[in-house]
C-alpha atoms as a PDB file:
ATOM      1  CA  GLU A   1       0.022   0.035   0.051  1.00  0.00           C
ATOM      2  CA  GLN A   2       2.865   2.339   0.816  1.00  0.00           C
ATOM      3  CA  GLU A   3       4.399   1.727  -2.437  1.00  0.00           C
ATOM      4  CA  ALA A   4       1.132   2.236  -4.361  1.00  0.00           C
ATOM      5  CA  VAL A   5       0.766   5.615  -2.357  1.00  0.00           C
ATOM      6  CA  ALA A   6       4.251   6.548  -3.504  1.00  0.00           C
ATOM      7  CA  GLY A   7       3.344   5.696  -7.131  1.00  0.00           C
ATOM      8  CA  ALA A   8       0.839   8.370  -6.961  1.00  0.00           C
ATOM      9  CA  GLN A   9       3.573  11.002  -6.719  1.00  0.00           C
ATOM     10  CA  SER A  10       5.780   9.547  -9.428  1.00  0.00           C
ATOM     11  CA  ARG A  11       5.800  10.690 -13.007  1.00  0.00           C
ATOM     12  CA  SER A  12       4.447   8.220 -15.713  1.00  0.00           C
ATOM     13  CA  ALA A  13       7.093   6.492 -17.681  1.00  0.00           C
ATOM     14  CA  MET A  14       5.081   6.876 -20.799  1.00  0.00           C
ATOM     15  CA  ALA A  15       1.943   8.953 -21.228  1.00  0.00           C
ATOM     16  CA  THR A  16      -1.182   7.422 -22.651  1.00  0.00           C
ATOM     17  CA  GLN A  17      -3.791   9.147 -24.794  1.00  0.00           C
ATOM     18  CA  SER A  18      -6.796   7.946 -22.657  1.00  0.00           C
ATOM     19  CA  ILE A  19      -7.822   5.741 -19.781  1.00  0.00           C
ATOM     20  CA  ALA A  20     -11.265   3.954 -19.098  1.00  0.00           C
ATOM     21  CA  LEU A  21     -11.804   3.492 -15.301  1.00  0.00           C
ATOM     22  CA  SER A  22     -14.743   1.092 -14.627  1.00  0.00           C
ATOM     23  CA  ILE A  23     -15.594   1.063 -10.806  1.00  0.00           C
ATOM     24  CA  ASP A  24     -18.310  -0.705  -8.888  1.00  0.00           C
ATOM     25  CA  GLY A  25     -18.936  -1.733  -5.414  1.00  0.00           C
ATOM     26  CA  GLY A  26     -20.048  -4.998  -3.739  1.00  0.00           C
ATOM     27  CA  HIS A  27     -20.518  -6.381  -0.196  1.00  0.00           C
ATOM     28  CA  VAL A  28     -18.823  -9.282   1.652  1.00  0.00           C
ATOM     29  CA  ARG A  29     -20.320 -11.122   4.607  1.00  0.00           C
ATOM     30  CA  ALA A  30     -18.724 -10.014   7.894  1.00  0.00           C
ATOM     31  CA  ALA A  31     -17.564 -12.288  10.703  1.00  0.00           C
ATOM     32  CA  ARG A  32     -20.065 -12.571  13.476  1.00  0.00           C
ATOM     33  CA  GLN A  33     -17.905 -10.566  15.960  1.00  0.00           C
ATOM     34  CA  TYR A  34     -18.198  -7.353  13.701  1.00  0.00           C
ATOM     35  CA  GLN A  35     -21.092  -4.961  13.550  1.00  0.00           C
ATOM     36  CA  GLY A  36     -23.304  -5.329  10.629  1.00  0.00           C
ATOM     37  CA  ARG A  37     -23.964  -8.441   8.399  1.00  0.00           C
ATOM     38  CA  THR A  38     -21.845  -7.170   5.501  1.00  0.00           C
ATOM     39  CA  PHE A  39     -19.293  -4.402   4.665  1.00  0.00           C
ATOM     40  CA  GLU A  40     -18.569  -2.484   1.516  1.00  0.00           C
ATOM     41  CA  VAL A  41     -15.713  -3.426  -1.109  1.00  0.00           C
ATOM     42  CA  LEU A  42     -14.850  -1.192  -4.054  1.00  0.00           C
ATOM     43  CA  LEU A  43     -13.410  -2.856  -7.171  1.00  0.00           C
ATOM     44  CA  ALA A  44     -12.025  -1.039 -10.191  1.00  0.00           C
ATOM     45  CA  GLN A  45     -10.784  -2.227 -13.667  1.00  0.00           C
ATOM     46  CA  ILE A  46      -8.607   0.326 -15.304  1.00  0.00           C
ATOM     47  CA  SER A  47      -7.364   0.143 -18.940  1.00  0.00           C
ATOM     48  CA  ASN A  48      -5.318   2.413 -21.219  1.00  0.00           C
ATOM     49  CA  ASP A  49      -5.515   2.876 -24.960  1.00  0.00           C
ATOM     50  CA  GLU A  50      -2.758   0.223 -25.354  1.00  0.00           C
ATOM     51  CA  GLY A  51      -5.120  -2.530 -24.010  1.00  0.00           C
ATOM     52  CA  LYS A  52      -3.067  -2.858 -20.609  1.00  0.00           C
ATOM     53  CA  GLN A  53      -5.438  -3.550 -17.826  1.00  0.00           C
ATOM     54  CA  VAL A  54      -5.121  -3.570 -14.147  1.00  0.00           C
ATOM     55  CA  VAL A  55      -7.704  -4.541 -11.346  1.00  0.00           C
ATOM     56  CA  PHE A  56      -7.837  -2.670  -8.174  1.00  0.00           C
ATOM     57  CA  ALA A  57      -9.832  -3.690  -5.124  1.00  0.00           C
ATOM     58  CA  SER A  58      -9.951  -2.727  -1.461  1.00  0.00           C
ATOM     59  CA  VAL A  59     -12.123  -2.296   1.691  1.00  0.00           C
ATOM     60  CA  PRO A  60     -12.455   1.517   2.088  1.00  0.00           C
ATOM     61  CA  ALA A  61     -12.617   1.352   5.922  1.00  0.00           C
ATOM     62  CA  GLU A  62      -9.244  -0.492   5.968  1.00  0.00           C
ATOM     63  CA  ALA A  63      -7.415   1.078   3.140  1.00  0.00           C
ATOM     64  CA  THR A  64      -4.442   3.424   3.562  1.00  0.00           C
ATOM     65  CA  SER A  65      -5.012   6.396   1.387  1.00  0.00           C
ATOM     66  CA  GLN A  66      -7.171   4.562  -1.008  1.00  0.00           C
ATOM     67  CA  THR A  67      -7.507   7.510  -3.330  1.00  0.00           C
ATOM     68  CA  ARG A  68      -3.698   7.982  -3.826  1.00  0.00           C
ATOM     69  CA  GLN A  69      -3.333   4.227  -4.268  1.00  0.00           C
ATOM     70  CA  LEU A  70      -5.735   4.249  -7.110  1.00  0.00           C
ATOM     71  CA  ARG A  71      -4.056   7.304  -8.535  1.00  0.00           C
ATOM     72  CA  GLY A  72      -0.759   5.325  -8.365  1.00  0.00           C
ATOM     73  CA  VAL A  73      -2.363   2.707 -10.456  1.00  0.00           C
ATOM     74  CA  LEU A  74      -3.476   5.287 -13.003  1.00  0.00           C
ATOM     75  CA  HIS A  75       0.121   6.687 -13.116  1.00  0.00           C
ATOM     76  CA  GLY A  76       1.372   3.292 -13.805  1.00  0.00           C
ATOM     77  CA  LEU A  77      -0.956   3.130 -16.893  1.00  0.00           C
ATOM     78  CA  GLY A  78       0.372   6.368 -18.158  1.00  0.00           C
ATOM     79  CA  ALA A  79      -2.027   8.782 -16.780  1.00  0.00           C
ATOM     80  CA  THR A  80      -0.861  12.551 -16.567  1.00  0.00           C
ATOM     81  CA  PRO A  81      -2.758  15.766 -15.662  1.00  0.00           C
ATOM     82  CA  ALA A  82      -3.666  16.050 -19.495  1.00  0.00           C
ATOM     83  CA  THR A  83      -4.893  12.499 -19.897  1.00  0.00           C
ATOM     84  CA  PRO A  84      -8.747  12.311 -20.114  1.00  0.00           C
ATOM     85  CA  VAL A  85     -10.255   9.592 -17.885  1.00  0.00           C
ATOM     86  CA  THR A  86     -13.759   8.109 -18.685  1.00  0.00           C
ATOM     87  CA  VAL A  87     -15.366   6.994 -15.452  1.00  0.00           C
ATOM     88  CA  LEU A  88     -17.875   4.291 -15.881  1.00  0.00           C
ATOM     89  CA  SER A  89     -20.180   3.513 -12.923  1.00  0.00           C
ATOM     90  CA  ASP A  90     -23.877   3.011 -11.881  1.00  0.00           C
ATOM     91  CA  ARG A  91     -23.846   6.530 -10.477  1.00  0.00           C
ATOM     92  CA  ALA A  92     -23.512   5.451  -6.867  1.00  0.00           C
ATOM     93  CA  ASP A  93     -21.770   8.123  -4.869  1.00  0.00           C
ATOM     94  CA  GLY A  94     -18.856   6.066  -3.404  1.00  0.00           C
ATOM     95  CA  PRO A  95     -17.467   4.537  -6.659  1.00  0.00           C
ATOM     96  CA  ARG A  96     -18.105   7.754  -8.681  1.00  0.00           C
ATOM     97  CA  SER A  97     -16.412  10.141  -6.053  1.00  0.00           C
ATOM     98  CA  LEU A  98     -13.297   7.714  -5.731  1.00  0.00           C
ATOM     99  CA  GLY A  99     -12.840   7.492  -9.463  1.00  0.00           C
ATOM    100  CA  GLU A 100     -12.981  11.379  -9.782  1.00  0.00           C
ATOM    101  CA  ALA A 101     -10.772  12.102  -6.770  1.00  0.00           C
ATOM    102  CA  ALA A 102      -8.123   9.576  -8.017  1.00  0.00           C
ATOM    103  CA  SER A 103      -7.890  10.803 -11.614  1.00  0.00           C
ATOM    104  CA  PRO A 104      -4.917  13.177 -12.098  1.00  0.00           C
ATOM    105  CA  GLY A 105      -6.589  14.646 -15.227  1.00  0.00           C
ATOM    106  CA  PRO A 106     -10.026  15.691 -16.415  1.00  0.00           C
ATOM    107  CA  THR A 107     -12.863  13.125 -15.981  1.00  0.00           C
ATOM    108  CA  HIS A 108     -15.937  12.310 -18.040  1.00  0.00           C
ATOM    109  CA  HIS A 109     -18.594  10.361 -16.270  1.00  0.00           C
ATOM    110  CA  VAL A 110     -20.845   7.876 -18.203  1.00  0.00           C
ATOM    111  CA  LEU A 111     -23.632   5.848 -16.998  1.00  0.00           C
ATOM    112  CA  ASP A 112     -22.551   2.160 -17.492  1.00  0.00           C
ATOM    113  CA  TRP A 113     -24.803   0.569 -20.142  1.00  0.00           C
ATOM    114  CA  PHE A 114     -24.775  -2.596 -18.178  1.00  0.00           C
ATOM    115  CA  HIS A 115     -26.777  -1.281 -15.330  1.00  0.00           C
ATOM    116  CA  LEU A 116     -29.004   0.794 -17.592  1.00  0.00           C
ATOM    117  CA  ALA A 117     -29.664  -2.194 -19.835  1.00  0.00           C
ATOM    118  CA  MET A 118     -30.470  -4.378 -16.768  1.00  0.00           C
ATOM    119  CA  ARG A 119     -33.087  -1.905 -15.518  1.00  0.00           C
ATOM    120  CA  VAL A 120     -34.822  -2.079 -18.921  1.00  0.00           C
ATOM    121  CA  GLN A 121     -34.398  -5.988 -18.849  1.00  0.00           C
ATOM    122  CA  HIS A 122     -36.356  -6.105 -15.521  1.00  0.00           C
ATOM    123  CA  VAL A 123     -39.371  -4.524 -17.267  1.00  0.00           C
ATOM    124  CA  ALA A 124     -39.108  -6.673 -20.318  1.00  0.00           C
ATOM    125  CA  GLN A 125     -39.098  -9.782 -18.171  1.00  0.00           C
ATOM    126  CA  ALA A 126     -42.238  -8.657 -16.439  1.00  0.00           C
ATOM    127  CA  ALA A 127     -43.797  -7.814 -19.815  1.00  0.00           C
ATOM    128  CA  ARG A 128     -43.125 -11.345 -21.010  1.00  0.00           C
ATOM    129  CA  SER A 129     -45.166 -12.782 -18.180  1.00  0.00           C
ATOM    130  CA  TRP A 130     -48.162 -10.959 -19.251  1.00  0.00           C
ATOM    131  CA  PRO A 131     -51.312 -13.394 -19.225  1.00  0.00           C
ATOM    132  CA  ASP A 132     -52.273 -14.852 -22.464  1.00  0.00           C
ATOM    133  CA  ILE A 133     -55.533 -16.380 -21.499  1.00  0.00           C
ATOM    134  CA  LYS A 134     -57.521 -14.461 -24.130  1.00  0.00           C
ATOM    135  CA  GLU A 135     -56.396 -13.466 -27.640  1.00  0.00           C
ATOM    136  CA  THR A 136     -56.634  -9.723 -26.670  1.00  0.00           C
ATOM    137  CA  ASP A 137     -54.484 -10.182 -23.763  1.00  0.00           C
ATOM    138  CA  ARG A 138     -51.972 -11.972 -25.972  1.00  0.00           C
ATOM    139  CA  GLN A 139     -51.940  -9.089 -28.386  1.00  0.00           C
ATOM    140  CA  ALA A 140     -51.596  -6.542 -25.676  1.00  0.00           C
ATOM    141  CA  GLY A 141     -48.625  -8.431 -24.159  1.00  0.00           C
ATOM    142  CA  ALA A 142     -46.881  -8.527 -27.502  1.00  0.00           C
ATOM    143  CA  ARG A 143     -47.445  -4.817 -27.941  1.00  0.00           C
ATOM    144  CA  LEU A 144     -46.023  -4.098 -24.517  1.00  0.00           C
ATOM    145  CA  THR A 145     -42.897  -6.235 -25.297  1.00  0.00           C
ATOM    146  CA  GLU A 146     -42.396  -4.319 -28.517  1.00  0.00           C
ATOM    147  CA  THR A 147     -42.764  -1.114 -26.803  1.00  0.00           C
ATOM    148  CA  ILE A 148     -40.034  -2.034 -24.037  1.00  0.00           C
ATOM    149  CA  GLU A 149     -37.768  -2.887 -26.859  1.00  0.00           C
ATOM    150  CA  ARG A 150     -38.344   0.537 -28.307  1.00  0.00           C
ATOM    151  CA  ILE A 151     -37.488   2.131 -24.969  1.00  0.00           C
ATOM    152  CA  ARG A 152     -34.210   0.122 -25.014  1.00  0.00           C
ATOM    153  CA  TRP A 153     -33.432   1.249 -28.569  1.00  0.00           C
ATOM    154  CA  ARG A 154     -33.951   4.952 -27.715  1.00  0.00           C
ATOM    155  CA  LEU A 155     -31.844   4.640 -24.590  1.00  0.00           C
ATOM    156  CA  TRP A 156     -29.038   2.791 -26.538  1.00  0.00           C
ATOM    157  CA  HIS A 157     -29.049   5.696 -29.039  1.00  0.00           C
ATOM    158  CA  GLY A 158     -28.951   8.257 -26.307  1.00  0.00           C
ATOM    159  CA  GLN A 159     -32.454   9.650 -27.071  1.00  0.00           C
ATOM    160  CA  VAL A 160     -33.263  10.233 -23.412  1.00  0.00           C
ATOM    161  CA  LYS A 161     -36.261  12.586 -23.708  1.00  0.00           C
ATOM    162  CA  ARG A 162     -37.902  10.415 -26.312  1.00  0.00           C
ATOM    163  CA  ALA A 163     -37.419   7.413 -24.176  1.00  0.00           C
ATOM    164  CA  LEU A 164     -38.767   9.114 -21.124  1.00  0.00           C
ATOM    165  CA  ASP A 165     -41.799  10.344 -23.121  1.00  0.00           C
ATOM    166  CA  LEU A 166     -42.377   6.654 -24.315  1.00  0.00           C
ATOM    167  CA  ILE A 167     -42.031   5.324 -20.638  1.00  0.00           C
ATOM    168  CA  SER A 168     -44.618   7.813 -19.480  1.00  0.00           C
ATOM    169  CA  GLU A 169     -47.173   7.020 -22.255  1.00  0.00           C
ATOM    170  CA  THR A 170     -46.701   3.167 -21.498  1.00  0.00           C
ATOM    171  CA  THR A 171     -47.096   3.688 -17.853  1.00  0.00           C
ATOM    172  CA  VAL A 172     -50.311   5.566 -18.429  1.00  0.00           C
ATOM    173  CA  ALA A 173     -51.741   2.674 -20.677  1.00  0.00           C
ATOM    174  CA  VAL A 174     -50.519   0.021 -18.126  1.00  0.00           C
ATOM    175  CA  ASP A 175     -52.202   1.663 -15.255  1.00  0.00           C
ATOM    176  CA  VAL A 176     -55.570   1.406 -17.025  1.00  0.00           C
ATOM    177  CA  ALA A 177     -55.151  -2.285 -17.087  1.00  0.00           C
ATOM    178  CA  ALA A 178     -53.985  -2.477 -13.402  1.00  0.00           C
ATOM    179  CA  ASP A 179     -57.402  -0.888 -12.083  1.00  0.00           C
ATOM    180  CA  ASP A 180     -59.612  -3.856 -13.208  1.00  0.00           C
ATOM    181  CA  LYS A 181     -59.909  -7.178 -11.394  1.00  0.00           C
ATOM    182  CA  SER A 182     -58.842  -9.536 -14.201  1.00  0.00           C
ATOM    183  CA  PRO A 183     -55.722 -11.694 -14.196  1.00  0.00           C
ATOM    184  CA  VAL A 184     -53.989  -9.009 -16.280  1.00  0.00           C
ATOM    185  CA  ALA A 185     -54.287  -6.442 -13.372  1.00  0.00           C
ATOM    186  CA  THR A 186     -51.545  -8.195 -11.309  1.00  0.00           C
ATOM    187  CA  ALA A 187     -49.038  -8.241 -14.131  1.00  0.00           C
ATOM    188  CA  ALA A 188     -49.994  -4.800 -14.962  1.00  0.00           C
ATOM    189  CA  ARG A 189     -49.230  -3.474 -11.502  1.00  0.00           C
ATOM    190  CA  LYS A 190     -45.859  -5.072 -11.573  1.00  0.00           C
ATOM    191  CA  VAL A 191     -44.896  -3.671 -14.965  1.00  0.00           C
ATOM    192  CA  ALA A 192     -46.284  -0.311 -13.748  1.00  0.00           C
ATOM    193  CA  ARG A 193     -44.101  -0.333 -10.826  1.00  0.00           C
ATOM    194  CA  LEU A 194     -40.974  -1.256 -12.795  1.00  0.00           C
ATOM    195  CA  LEU A 195     -41.673   1.342 -15.312  1.00  0.00           C
ATOM    196  CA  GLY A 196     -41.816   3.964 -12.603  1.00  0.00           C
ATOM    197  CA  ASP A 197     -38.567   2.769 -11.284  1.00  0.00           C
ATOM    198  CA  LEU A 198     -36.982   2.994 -14.679  1.00  0.00           C
ATOM    199  CA  GLU A 199     -38.410   6.506 -15.230  1.00  0.00           C
ATOM    200  CA  THR A 200     -36.923   7.678 -12.026  1.00  0.00           C
ATOM    201  CA  TYR A 201     -33.526   6.128 -12.704  1.00  0.00           C
ATOM    202  CA  VAL A 202     -33.310   7.412 -16.227  1.00  0.00           C
ATOM    203  CA  SER A 203     -34.438  10.916 -15.117  1.00  0.00           C
ATOM    204  CA  GLY A 204     -31.830  11.001 -12.401  1.00  0.00           C
ATOM    205  CA  GLN A 205     -29.050   9.985 -14.539  1.00  0.00           C
ATOM    206  CA  SER A 206     -29.953  11.866 -17.807  1.00  0.00           C
ATOM    207  CA  ASP A 207     -26.849  13.954 -17.769  1.00  0.00           C
ATOM    208  CA  ILE A 208     -24.356  10.931 -18.157  1.00  0.00           C
ATOM    209  CA  ILE A 209     -26.491   8.904 -20.594  1.00  0.00           C
ATOM    210  CA  ILE A 210     -24.655   9.048 -24.026  1.00  0.00           C
ATOM    211  CA  ASP A 211     -25.285   7.776 -27.445  1.00  0.00           C
ATOM    212  CA  TYR A 212     -23.880   4.144 -26.826  1.00  0.00           C
ATOM    213  CA  ALA A 213     -24.410   3.155 -30.270  1.00  0.00           C
ATOM    214  CA  THR A 214     -21.992   5.727 -31.563  1.00  0.00           C
ATOM    215  CA  ALA A 215     -19.701   5.294 -28.735  1.00  0.00           C
ATOM    216  CA  ARG A 216     -19.530   1.562 -29.619  1.00  0.00           C
ATOM    217  CA  ARG A 217     -18.569   2.145 -33.251  1.00  0.00           C
ATOM    218  CA  ARG A 218     -15.851   4.426 -32.092  1.00  0.00           C
ATOM    219  CA  GLU A 219     -14.627   1.737 -29.703  1.00  0.00           C
ATOM    220  CA  GLU A 220     -15.167   3.965 -26.608  1.00  0.00           C
ATOM    221  CA  PRO A 221     -15.838   2.405 -23.268  1.00  0.00           C
ATOM    222  CA  ILE A 222     -19.479   2.238 -22.495  1.00  0.00           C
ATOM    223  CA  SER A 223     -20.002  -0.791 -20.069  1.00  0.00           C
ATOM    224  CA  THR A 224     -18.645  -2.129 -16.735  1.00  0.00           C
ATOM    225  CA  ALA A 225     -19.755  -5.634 -17.803  1.00  0.00           C
ATOM    226  CA  VAL A 226     -16.154  -6.875 -17.407  1.00  0.00           C
ATOM    227  CA  THR A 227     -15.910  -5.288 -14.037  1.00  0.00           C
ATOM    228  CA  GLU A 228     -19.245  -6.804 -13.056  1.00  0.00           C
ATOM    229  CA  SER A 229     -17.979 -10.454 -14.010  1.00  0.00           C
ATOM    230  CA  THR A 230     -14.863  -9.618 -11.935  1.00  0.00           C
ATOM    231  CA  VAL A 231     -16.940  -8.691  -9.135  1.00  0.00           C
ATOM    232  CA  GLN A 232     -19.049 -11.938  -9.525  1.00  0.00           C
ATOM    233  CA  TRP A 233     -15.949 -14.110  -9.571  1.00  0.00           C
ATOM    234  CA  LEU A 234     -13.893 -12.200  -6.895  1.00  0.00           C
ATOM    235  CA  LEU A 235     -16.550 -11.287  -4.327  1.00  0.00           C
ATOM    236  CA  HIS A 236     -19.521 -13.716  -4.839  1.00  0.00           C
ATOM    237  CA  ARG A 237     -17.718 -16.851  -5.925  1.00  0.00           C
ATOM    238  CA  ARG A 238     -14.320 -16.517  -4.286  1.00  0.00           C
ATOM    239  CA  MET A 239     -15.242 -14.794  -1.049  1.00  0.00           C
ATOM    240  CA  ASN A 240     -18.870 -15.424  -0.522  1.00  0.00           C
ATOM    241  CA  ALA A 241     -21.419 -17.570  -2.034  1.00  0.00           C
ATOM    242  CA  GLN A 242     -19.677 -20.774  -2.777  1.00  0.00           C
ATOM    243  CA  GLN A 243     -17.241 -20.774  -0.148  1.00  0.00           C
ATOM    244  CA  GLN A 244     -19.511 -19.803   2.846  1.00  0.00           C
ATOM    245  CA  ILE A 245     -16.775 -17.601   4.211  1.00  0.00           C
ATOM    246  CA  ARG A 246     -17.251 -14.759   6.676  1.00  0.00           C
ATOM    247  CA  TRP A 247     -14.495 -12.033   6.739  1.00  0.00           C
ATOM    248  CA  SER A 248     -13.060  -9.427   9.106  1.00  0.00           C
ATOM    249  CA  PRO A 249     -12.652  -6.258   7.078  1.00  0.00           C
ATOM    250  CA  ARG A 250      -8.893  -6.199   7.589  1.00  0.00           C
ATOM    251  CA  GLY A 251      -8.577  -9.807   6.370  1.00  0.00           C
ATOM    252  CA  ALA A 252     -10.694  -9.220   3.386  1.00  0.00           C
ATOM    253  CA  HIS A 253      -8.604  -6.037   2.396  1.00  0.00           C
ATOM    254  CA  LEU A 254      -5.483  -7.810   2.790  1.00  0.00           C
ATOM    255  CA  MET A 255      -6.565 -10.661   0.551  1.00  0.00           C
ATOM    256  CA  LEU A 256      -7.980  -8.204  -1.981  1.00  0.00           C
END
């Protein structure tokens, strides 16, 4: 940790043109003698334009100068005060603020497509469970599924206002079906609730939703999916679910 902090003060051997910092958080089960059932872990995956990648993980409560450690990693990948850093996150305050504070140069925040797409997917899954007892119900379910895909398409192309308009229109239509006492009402209420959650999420993150389709064509970073898979492997499989291990914060930090 002391070496990593010292690296934050050093000058990069070779400057890189850009850096992508994908950062996410997770929780690990605490040993019984510690307060709380879990504690937070932050995990970042950093890559430069040459394809070199580094994974950084720590327990914030136990880390020594966590921000400067992460800055040392960025320096090691060629970050300078002039290097733009794209910070991909789900907009959670902890990961986002850490990425911004650690970056020696200008930062550009992007809402991770993985998290945004999963929000839409939850609505799509609820729509696919629409009852099909009657032909009219089957047709209504098919139209709803098609509409959800249109919402996904608009968000993929960065059309936030058009996506919000369509979400609002769809919510009104679904609310009508949720008022009756048919089997459709239960499904409609679930879809309406998830649409409301999606509308709140998109509205709150609208300033960092980009045109993901264009960014993908330009080979710019748009998703923390790789980081998510690392979180799944490192935290959930290695440290938690399959091993049934409980950790002290210090022990988890040292292992990470």
